[in-house]
Each structure stands twice: as C-alpha cells, then as structure tokens.
Amino acid sequence: MFLPRYHKILNAILAVFFAFPVSALAQDPCVGSIKVELTNLRNEKGMVEVGVYISPVGWPYSSEYHFSFKKENIINGSMVFMVDSIPCGDYAISVLDDENESLSMDYNALGIPKEGWGFSNNPGFLRLKEPPFEACVFNLPGGTKEVSIKMNYISGGNRSK
C-alpha cells in the first residue's frame, strides 16, 4: 500500500512545509533608517561619500556600507539624505566632501586636507587625525534615527555662497 510505506517521508515533508512559514513569521528582524543632515558644506561641487561602520575594523577608510550622494538641494550649507533598511545596532559614520569626485581625500603639498570631512557625534579635532571609532558610535534601535554631522575644512576656508 502507498500510504503506510511512505507515511514517514510524507509526514516529514508536510511538517517542513507547514513549519517554515510559522518560523519565518516568528523572526522579526529589527530594521531601521538613519536620516543624516550634513551642515557647513562649503559648496555644491562634487559628491559626498558616506561610510557606515558596524565595527572599528576598517575605520574610517573601508566601511561595511558605502553610499555616494550628489550634492543637490543644499540650503544654507546643509543637505539631508536617508540610509534606509539597515539592521538595528551600533554604527559610526564618516563623510568625505569629495568636491572633485576622486573617491579619496585630496591633500596639499604639506599634507593638509583640501576637502571636507565629518563624523557622527561631531568629535572635536585638535590633531589632523581621525577620531577613534568609539567617539563616533551611536545606536540605531529601530525606526528612524536622526544624525547631524558638521563638515570640517582647513584648506580653502569655510562655506561659500
């Protein structure tokens, strides 16, 4: 007879088939968005390169998430963009104002940055060195987290109108 011989296999298949949707619904991964406002942008040239980090590994040069945004809709030196649908957790952000779209910081002959930079939590800079990862970390608990980052410039002065 068909059913008694294969009933164990059929039961196993049915159990997997019916259990999968229930287990998929039981897992509710936390996902959120980060609304980033950049302030003190000195012009509308180029792009902003944004690195979103989940650990100090690679900080601040090689991020887990990388985004490029055209500098558009700048009002009084500020622009806003969203980083959507990322898992909840701790993050740090680094930003490069890549005015010539070279995808890297440009320096003058003395090694002083010619383009702007910024970090989440806006740590101060007394030395021309990136802050530690821990100084820039914030928590994304879900929903939308608002982060304001002030851009810093040394060469070429501050924002022009």
C-alpha atoms as a PDB file:
ATOM      1  CA  MET A   1       0.000   0.000   0.000  1.00  0.00           C
ATOM      2  CA  PHE A   2       1.286   3.549  -0.855  1.00  0.00           C
ATOM      3  CA  LEU A   3       0.465   5.488   2.297  1.00  0.00           C
ATOM      4  CA  PRO A   4       1.826   3.158   5.012  1.00  0.00           C
ATOM      5  CA  ARG A   5       5.090   2.662   3.189  1.00  0.00           C
ATOM      6  CA  TYR A   6       5.841   6.348   2.680  1.00  0.00           C
ATOM      7  CA  HIS A   7       3.931   7.913   5.553  1.00  0.00           C
ATOM      8  CA  LYS A   8       7.115   8.901   7.449  1.00  0.00           C
ATOM      9  CA  ILE A   9       8.546  10.718   4.423  1.00  0.00           C
ATOM     10  CA  LEU A  10       5.199  12.381   3.671  1.00  0.00           C
ATOM     11  CA  ASN A  11       4.829  13.483   7.304  1.00  0.00           C
ATOM     12  CA  ALA A  12       8.351  14.939   7.289  1.00  0.00           C
ATOM     13  CA  ILE A  13       7.675  16.877   4.082  1.00  0.00           C
ATOM     14  CA  LEU A  14       4.380  18.228   5.420  1.00  0.00           C
ATOM     15  CA  ALA A  15       5.992  19.182   8.738  1.00  0.00           C
ATOM     16  CA  VAL A  16       8.709  21.184   6.964  1.00  0.00           C
ATOM     17  CA  PHE A  17       6.188  22.766   4.595  1.00  0.00           C
ATOM     18  CA  PHE A  18       3.881  23.934   7.388  1.00  0.00           C
ATOM     19  CA  ALA A  19       6.603  24.814   9.907  1.00  0.00           C
ATOM     20  CA  PHE A  20       8.596  27.102   7.588  1.00  0.00           C
ATOM     21  CA  PRO A  21       6.039  29.916   7.246  1.00  0.00           C
ATOM     22  CA  VAL A  22       5.433  29.906  11.004  1.00  0.00           C
ATOM     23  CA  SER A  23       9.168  30.118  11.778  1.00  0.00           C
ATOM     24  CA  ALA A  24       9.648  32.846   9.159  1.00  0.00           C
ATOM     25  CA  LEU A  25       6.905  34.905  10.802  1.00  0.00           C
ATOM     26  CA  ALA A  26       8.346  34.296  14.266  1.00  0.00           C
ATOM     27  CA  GLN A  27      11.606  36.013  13.290  1.00  0.00           C
ATOM     28  CA  ASP A  28      11.065  39.753  13.291  1.00  0.00           C
ATOM     29  CA  PRO A  29      14.472  41.275  12.500  1.00  0.00           C
ATOM     30  CA  CYS A  30      14.887  44.825  13.697  1.00  0.00           C
ATOM     31  CA  VAL A  31      15.479  47.220  10.809  1.00  0.00           C
ATOM     32  CA  GLY A  32      15.773  50.986  10.857  1.00  0.00           C
ATOM     33  CA  SER A  33      16.810  54.059   8.914  1.00  0.00           C
ATOM     34  CA  ILE A  34      19.285  56.851   9.535  1.00  0.00           C
ATOM     35  CA  LYS A  35      18.350  60.386   8.500  1.00  0.00           C
ATOM     36  CA  VAL A  36      21.627  62.265   8.089  1.00  0.00           C
ATOM     37  CA  GLU A  37      21.871  66.048   7.948  1.00  0.00           C
ATOM     38  CA  LEU A  38      25.207  67.429   6.779  1.00  0.00           C
ATOM     39  CA  THR A  39      25.862  71.019   7.814  1.00  0.00           C
ATOM     40  CA  ASN A  40      28.576  73.532   6.877  1.00  0.00           C
ATOM     41  CA  LEU A  41      29.024  72.233   3.296  1.00  0.00           C
ATOM     42  CA  ARG A  42      31.085  74.926   1.583  1.00  0.00           C
ATOM     43  CA  ASN A  43      29.774  74.487  -1.980  1.00  0.00           C
ATOM     44  CA  GLU A  44      27.690  72.335  -4.323  1.00  0.00           C
ATOM     45  CA  LYS A  45      30.614  70.808  -6.245  1.00  0.00           C
ATOM     46  CA  GLY A  46      31.016  67.037  -6.434  1.00  0.00           C
ATOM     47  CA  MET A  47      29.610  64.300  -4.228  1.00  0.00           C
ATOM     48  CA  VAL A  48      29.552  63.295  -0.591  1.00  0.00           C
ATOM     49  CA  GLU A  49      30.983  59.853   0.123  1.00  0.00           C
ATOM     50  CA  VAL A  50      29.451  58.223   3.189  1.00  0.00           C
ATOM     51  CA  GLY A  51      30.783  55.228   5.101  1.00  0.00           C
ATOM     52  CA  VAL A  52      28.582  53.472   7.659  1.00  0.00           C
ATOM     53  CA  TYR A  53      30.555  51.210  10.020  1.00  0.00           C
ATOM     54  CA  ILE A  54      29.461  48.478  12.419  1.00  0.00           C
ATOM     55  CA  SER A  55      32.887  47.940  13.994  1.00  0.00           C
ATOM     56  CA  PRO A  56      36.304  49.607  14.243  1.00  0.00           C
ATOM     57  CA  VAL A  57      37.637  47.234  11.561  1.00  0.00           C
ATOM     58  CA  GLY A  58      38.463  49.425   8.563  1.00  0.00           C
ATOM     59  CA  TRP A  59      37.540  52.662  10.376  1.00  0.00           C
ATOM     60  CA  PRO A  60      37.323  55.225   8.763  1.00  0.00           C
ATOM     61  CA  TYR A  61      38.527  54.113   5.334  1.00  0.00           C
ATOM     62  CA  SER A  62      36.765  50.850   4.452  1.00  0.00           C
ATOM     63  CA  SER A  63      33.142  50.619   5.586  1.00  0.00           C
ATOM     64  CA  GLU A  64      30.566  47.857   5.709  1.00  0.00           C
ATOM     65  CA  TYR A  65      28.100  50.139   3.893  1.00  0.00           C
ATOM     66  CA  HIS A  66      29.160  52.811   1.389  1.00  0.00           C
ATOM     67  CA  PHE A  67      26.934  55.438  -0.214  1.00  0.00           C
ATOM     68  CA  SER A  68      27.551  58.278  -2.661  1.00  0.00           C
ATOM     69  CA  PHE A  69      25.226  61.254  -2.838  1.00  0.00           C
ATOM     70  CA  LYS A  70      25.243  64.060  -5.410  1.00  0.00           C
ATOM     71  CA  LYS A  71      25.370  67.405  -3.641  1.00  0.00           C
ATOM     72  CA  GLU A  72      21.912  68.672  -4.553  1.00  0.00           C
ATOM     73  CA  ASN A  73      19.260  70.691  -2.783  1.00  0.00           C
ATOM     74  CA  ILE A  74      21.780  72.319  -0.476  1.00  0.00           C
ATOM     75  CA  ILE A  75      20.135  75.022   1.612  1.00  0.00           C
ATOM     76  CA  ASN A  76      22.365  77.316   3.682  1.00  0.00           C
ATOM     77  CA  GLY A  77      25.189  74.770   3.511  1.00  0.00           C
ATOM     78  CA  SER A  78      23.023  71.829   4.607  1.00  0.00           C
ATOM     79  CA  MET A  79      21.724  68.720   2.880  1.00  0.00           C
ATOM     80  CA  VAL A  80      19.761  65.717   4.095  1.00  0.00           C
ATOM     81  CA  PHE A  81      19.815  62.105   2.940  1.00  0.00           C
ATOM     82  CA  MET A  82      18.496  58.772   4.189  1.00  0.00           C
ATOM     83  CA  VAL A  83      20.236  55.468   4.779  1.00  0.00           C
ATOM     84  CA  ASP A  84      17.319  53.042   4.734  1.00  0.00           C
ATOM     85  CA  SER A  85      16.656  49.453   5.756  1.00  0.00           C
ATOM     86  CA  ILE A  86      19.714  48.598   7.803  1.00  0.00           C
ATOM     87  CA  PRO A  87      19.742  46.253  10.799  1.00  0.00           C
ATOM     88  CA  CYS A  88      19.396  47.753  14.263  1.00  0.00           C
ATOM     89  CA  GLY A  89      22.636  48.099  16.176  1.00  0.00           C
ATOM     90  CA  ASP A  90      25.604  50.374  16.832  1.00  0.00           C
ATOM     91  CA  TYR A  91      27.034  52.425  13.955  1.00  0.00           C
ATOM     92  CA  ALA A  92      29.533  55.155  13.213  1.00  0.00           C
ATOM     93  CA  ILE A  93      29.522  57.348  10.095  1.00  0.00           C
ATOM     94  CA  SER A  94      32.353  59.047   8.230  1.00  0.00           C
ATOM     95  CA  VAL A  95      31.739  61.580   5.447  1.00  0.00           C
ATOM     96  CA  LEU A  96      34.047  62.958   2.763  1.00  0.00           C
ATOM     97  CA  ASP A  97      33.083  66.090   0.800  1.00  0.00           C
ATOM     98  CA  ASP A  98      34.567  64.788  -2.451  1.00  0.00           C
ATOM     99  CA  GLU A  99      34.493  68.013  -4.451  1.00  0.00           C
ATOM    100  CA  ASN A 100      36.443  66.617  -7.431  1.00  0.00           C
ATOM    101  CA  GLU A 101      34.824  63.129  -7.298  1.00  0.00           C
ATOM    102  CA  SER A 102      38.180  61.334  -6.936  1.00  0.00           C
ATOM    103  CA  LEU A 103      36.733  58.967  -4.276  1.00  0.00           C
ATOM    104  CA  SER A 104      39.515  59.881  -1.842  1.00  0.00           C
ATOM    105  CA  MET A 105      40.663  62.803   0.291  1.00  0.00           C
ATOM    106  CA  ASP A 106      42.930  65.247  -1.530  1.00  0.00           C
ATOM    107  CA  TYR A 107      45.837  66.867   0.327  1.00  0.00           C
ATOM    108  CA  ASN A 108      48.045  69.882  -0.381  1.00  0.00           C
ATOM    109  CA  ALA A 109      51.855  69.730  -0.518  1.00  0.00           C
ATOM    110  CA  LEU A 110      52.049  69.942   3.289  1.00  0.00           C
ATOM    111  CA  GLY A 111      49.660  67.030   3.802  1.00  0.00           C
ATOM    112  CA  ILE A 112      46.742  69.229   4.865  1.00  0.00           C
ATOM    113  CA  PRO A 113      43.299  68.091   3.650  1.00  0.00           C
ATOM    114  CA  LYS A 114      41.924  70.136   0.749  1.00  0.00           C
ATOM    115  CA  GLU A 115      38.408  68.702   1.068  1.00  0.00           C
ATOM    116  CA  GLY A 116      35.948  68.494   3.929  1.00  0.00           C
ATOM    117  CA  TRP A 117      35.204  65.662   6.328  1.00  0.00           C
ATOM    118  CA  GLY A 118      32.820  64.864   9.134  1.00  0.00           C
ATOM    119  CA  PHE A 119      31.958  62.133  11.623  1.00  0.00           C
ATOM    120  CA  SER A 120      28.876  61.111  13.568  1.00  0.00           C
ATOM    121  CA  ASN A 121      28.742  62.664  17.049  1.00  0.00           C
ATOM    122  CA  ASN A 122      30.917  65.529  15.701  1.00  0.00           C
ATOM    123  CA  PRO A 123      34.027  64.785  17.774  1.00  0.00           C
ATOM    124  CA  GLY A 124      36.427  67.694  18.048  1.00  0.00           C
ATOM    125  CA  PHE A 125      39.720  67.629  16.241  1.00  0.00           C
ATOM    126  CA  LEU A 126      42.865  69.085  17.746  1.00  0.00           C
ATOM    127  CA  ARG A 127      45.158  66.949  15.659  1.00  0.00           C
ATOM    128  CA  LEU A 128      44.771  66.235  11.962  1.00  0.00           C
ATOM    129  CA  LYS A 129      43.884  62.651  12.695  1.00  0.00           C
ATOM    130  CA  GLU A 130      40.650  60.702  12.540  1.00  0.00           C
ATOM    131  CA  PRO A 131      38.841  60.246  15.861  1.00  0.00           C
ATOM    132  CA  PRO A 132      38.592  56.788  17.390  1.00  0.00           C
ATOM    133  CA  PHE A 133      35.634  54.682  16.277  1.00  0.00           C
ATOM    134  CA  GLU A 134      34.213  54.691  19.816  1.00  0.00           C
ATOM    135  CA  ALA A 135      33.906  58.511  19.786  1.00  0.00           C
ATOM    136  CA  CYS A 136      31.582  58.332  16.766  1.00  0.00           C
ATOM    137  CA  VAL A 137      29.322  55.387  17.679  1.00  0.00           C
ATOM    138  CA  PHE A 138      25.567  55.802  18.072  1.00  0.00           C
ATOM    139  CA  ASN A 139      22.741  53.287  18.464  1.00  0.00           C
ATOM    140  CA  LEU A 140      20.008  52.627  15.918  1.00  0.00           C
ATOM    141  CA  PRO A 141      17.232  50.995  17.986  1.00  0.00           C
ATOM    142  CA  GLY A 142      14.755  50.817  15.085  1.00  0.00           C
ATOM    143  CA  GLY A 143      12.571  53.383  13.400  1.00  0.00           C
ATOM    144  CA  THR A 144      14.420  56.460  12.152  1.00  0.00           C
ATOM    145  CA  LYS A 145      17.487  57.861  13.904  1.00  0.00           C
ATOM    146  CA  GLU A 146      18.419  61.482  13.113  1.00  0.00           C
ATOM    147  CA  VAL A 147      22.135  62.254  12.959  1.00  0.00           C
ATOM    148  CA  SER A 148      23.622  65.698  12.300  1.00  0.00           C
ATOM    149  CA  ILE A 149      27.210  65.888  11.027  1.00  0.00           C
ATOM    150  CA  LYS A 150      29.126  69.167  10.758  1.00  0.00           C
ATOM    151  CA  MET A 151      31.596  69.214   7.886  1.00  0.00           C
ATOM    152  CA  ASN A 152      35.106  70.462   8.683  1.00  0.00           C
ATOM    153  CA  TYR A 153      37.507  72.253   6.308  1.00  0.00           C
ATOM    154  CA  ILE A 154      41.027  73.553   6.725  1.00  0.00           C
ATOM    155  CA  SER A 155      42.229  74.378   3.238  1.00  0.00           C
ATOM    156  CA  GLY A 156      40.108  76.778   1.210  1.00  0.00           C
ATOM    157  CA  GLY A 157      38.125  78.178   4.119  1.00  0.00           C
ATOM    158  CA  ASN A 158      34.536  77.610   5.072  1.00  0.00           C
ATOM    159  CA  ARG A 159      31.338  77.594   3.105  1.00  0.00           C
ATOM    160  CA  SER A 160      30.976  79.989   0.178  1.00  0.00           C
ATOM    161  CA  LYS A 161      27.626  81.285  -1.026  1.00  0.00           C
END
